[in-house]
Protein backbone atom coordinates (compact mmCIF):
# COMPACT_ATOMS: atom_id res chain seq x y z
CA MET A 1 104.23 85.93 72.16
CA LYS A 2 107.63 85.38 74.36
CA ILE A 3 108.61 89.04 73.34
CA LEU A 4 105.33 90.54 74.28
CA SER A 5 105.61 88.92 77.76
CA LEU A 6 109.16 90.12 78.14
CA LEU A 7 108.20 93.69 77.36
CA LEU A 8 105.11 93.66 79.54
CA LEU A 9 106.88 92.04 82.59
CA PRO A 10 108.43 95.04 84.03
CA ILE A 11 105.32 97.05 83.86
CA VAL A 12 103.59 94.42 85.64
CA LEU A 13 106.34 94.35 88.52
CA ILE A 14 106.28 97.92 88.86
CA PHE A 15 102.44 98.08 89.53
CA SER A 16 102.48 94.82 91.77
CA SER A 17 105.21 96.09 93.94
CA CYS A 18 103.25 99.48 94.44
CA THR A 19 101.94 99.56 98.06
CA PRO A 20 98.52 100.98 98.46
CA SER A 21 98.23 104.93 98.89
CA THR A 22 95.54 105.71 101.15
CA PRO A 23 94.68 104.46 104.56
CA GLN A 24 91.51 102.87 103.42
CA GLU A 25 93.36 100.75 100.73
CA ARG A 26 96.21 99.69 103.27
CA ILE A 27 93.27 98.85 105.82
CA LEU A 28 91.55 96.52 103.32
CA LYS A 29 95.03 94.95 102.28
CA ASN A 30 96.01 94.21 105.97
CA GLY A 31 92.82 93.74 107.82
CA GLY A 32 94.26 91.67 110.52
CA LYS A 33 96.93 94.24 111.49
CA PHE A 34 94.06 96.80 111.59
CA THR A 35 91.55 94.60 113.50
CA SER A 36 94.47 93.95 116.02
CA LEU A 37 94.72 97.73 116.81
CA PRO A 38 92.88 99.70 120.02
CA ALA A 39 89.81 101.20 118.74
CA LYS A 40 91.14 104.73 119.35
CA HIS A 41 93.96 103.82 117.10
CA GLN A 42 91.88 102.51 114.60
CA GLU A 43 89.76 105.74 114.31
CA LEU A 44 93.14 107.78 113.86
CA VAL A 45 94.49 105.19 111.20
CA GLU A 46 91.20 105.63 109.31
CA ARG A 47 91.73 109.32 109.13
CA GLY A 48 95.56 109.13 108.52
CA GLU A 49 96.56 110.54 111.97
CA LEU A 50 98.85 109.31 114.48
CA ALA A 51 99.11 109.68 118.52
CA ARG A 52 101.85 109.02 120.96
CA GLY A 53 101.83 105.34 121.73
CA MET A 54 100.87 103.81 118.52
CA SER A 55 102.54 100.72 117.07
CA THR A 56 104.81 100.44 113.87
CA ASP A 57 101.59 98.50 112.40
CA ALA A 58 99.41 101.47 112.98
CA VAL A 59 101.41 104.14 111.45
CA PHE A 60 102.02 102.02 108.54
CA LEU A 61 98.36 101.75 107.75
CA ALA A 62 98.09 105.37 108.35
CA TRP A 63 100.79 106.86 106.36
CA GLY A 64 102.22 103.91 104.60
CA SER A 65 105.64 102.33 104.07
CA PRO A 66 108.57 104.86 104.93
CA SER A 67 111.12 105.85 102.44
CA GLN A 68 113.97 105.30 104.70
CA ARG A 69 114.33 103.54 108.39
CA TYR A 70 116.95 104.61 110.80
CA GLN A 71 117.59 102.38 113.85
CA GLY A 72 119.63 103.40 117.01
CA LEU A 73 119.78 103.51 120.88
CA GLN A 74 119.20 106.23 123.19
CA GLY A 75 120.31 105.04 126.54
CA ASN A 76 118.83 101.47 126.85
CA ILE A 77 115.97 102.45 124.74
CA VAL A 78 115.60 101.03 121.19
CA THR A 79 114.69 103.92 118.63
CA ASP A 80 113.32 103.69 115.11
CA ARG A 81 113.18 106.59 112.91
CA TRP A 82 110.95 106.33 109.68
CA ASP A 83 111.54 109.26 107.18
CA TYR A 84 108.72 109.83 104.25
CA PHE A 85 110.19 111.72 101.19
CA GLY A 86 108.20 113.50 98.68
CA SER A 87 109.70 115.35 95.57
CA THR A 88 108.96 118.71 94.11
CA PRO A 89 109.64 119.63 90.31
CA VAL A 90 112.13 122.40 89.22
CA VAL A 91 112.00 123.84 85.93
CA ASN A 92 115.55 125.04 84.43
CA ASN A 93 116.37 126.30 80.97
CA HIS A 94 118.70 123.88 78.92
CA PHE A 95 121.28 124.54 76.29
CA GLY A 96 123.38 122.03 74.91
CA MET A 97 125.60 121.01 72.14
CA HIS A 98 125.80 117.32 70.91
CA TYR A 99 128.19 115.82 68.39
CA GLY A 100 129.65 112.42 67.76
CA ILE A 101 130.18 109.93 65.20
CA GLY A 102 128.00 106.90 64.15
CA GLY A 103 127.44 104.08 61.80
CA GLY A 104 127.93 100.60 60.98
CA SER A 105 131.10 98.62 59.43
CA ARG A 106 130.76 100.09 56.12
CA SER A 107 129.88 103.69 56.56
CA ARG A 108 130.66 106.65 59.09
CA TYR A 109 129.05 109.70 59.63
CA SER A 110 129.46 112.36 62.00
CA TYR A 111 126.51 114.23 63.46
CA SER A 112 126.22 117.65 65.81
CA GLY A 113 123.35 119.83 66.82
CA PHE A 114 122.06 122.39 69.52
CA SER A 115 119.30 121.90 71.91
CA PHE A 116 117.56 124.52 74.04
CA GLY A 117 114.48 124.06 75.80
CA PRO A 118 112.79 123.55 79.53
CA GLU A 119 114.08 120.46 81.54
CA ILE A 120 112.21 119.51 84.66
CA GLN A 121 114.17 117.68 87.46
CA TYR A 122 112.26 116.24 90.64
CA VAL A 123 114.07 117.39 93.95
CA PRO A 124 113.39 114.91 96.92
CA TYR A 125 112.55 116.25 100.27
CA ARG A 126 111.82 115.01 103.61
CA LYS A 127 107.98 115.68 104.34
CA ALA A 128 107.65 113.80 107.65
CA THR A 129 109.15 111.64 110.38
CA VAL A 130 107.99 109.38 113.01
CA LEU A 131 110.21 108.47 115.98
CA PHE A 132 109.73 105.35 117.94
CA LYS A 133 110.82 104.21 121.44
CA ASN A 134 110.51 100.66 122.08
CA SER A 135 108.27 100.11 118.91
CA LYS A 136 105.71 102.81 120.18
CA VAL A 137 105.13 106.30 118.81
CA ASP A 138 107.28 108.82 120.77
CA SER A 139 106.97 111.86 118.41
CA TRP A 140 106.13 113.04 114.87
CA GLU A 141 106.51 116.15 112.70
CA ARG A 142 105.04 116.71 109.30
CA MET A 143 105.69 119.44 106.67
CA GLN A 144 102.93 121.79 106.55
């Protein structure tokens, strides 16, 4: 039973750490943040849209947690940039040769072989950016 619990623990942690993936799920999970928004911003959040002047809470509810955050200063204005990343699959043909020596203390063996086939790699890209000035949305851009 202890071994089963240890094997399942990483899976449970992965799923429990996942943030909700839609605005509606984030609104349900963070009702207090949602109700504190102005009515106009609530409507935008429900549609997953942004507008100038929205708070960081509104952007979180609309688009979720950013992949990366950058803080800065422009003149006397505190800035915060949220970047959202996605990934795209890239298929490559793979050819390789493998060799090595294995075995325990009593017997040793060597092995070698070839492999060929498609290999899929996921390449990250920036799909959206939100720029905050003094904790309010100043601008944003999103990949089409």
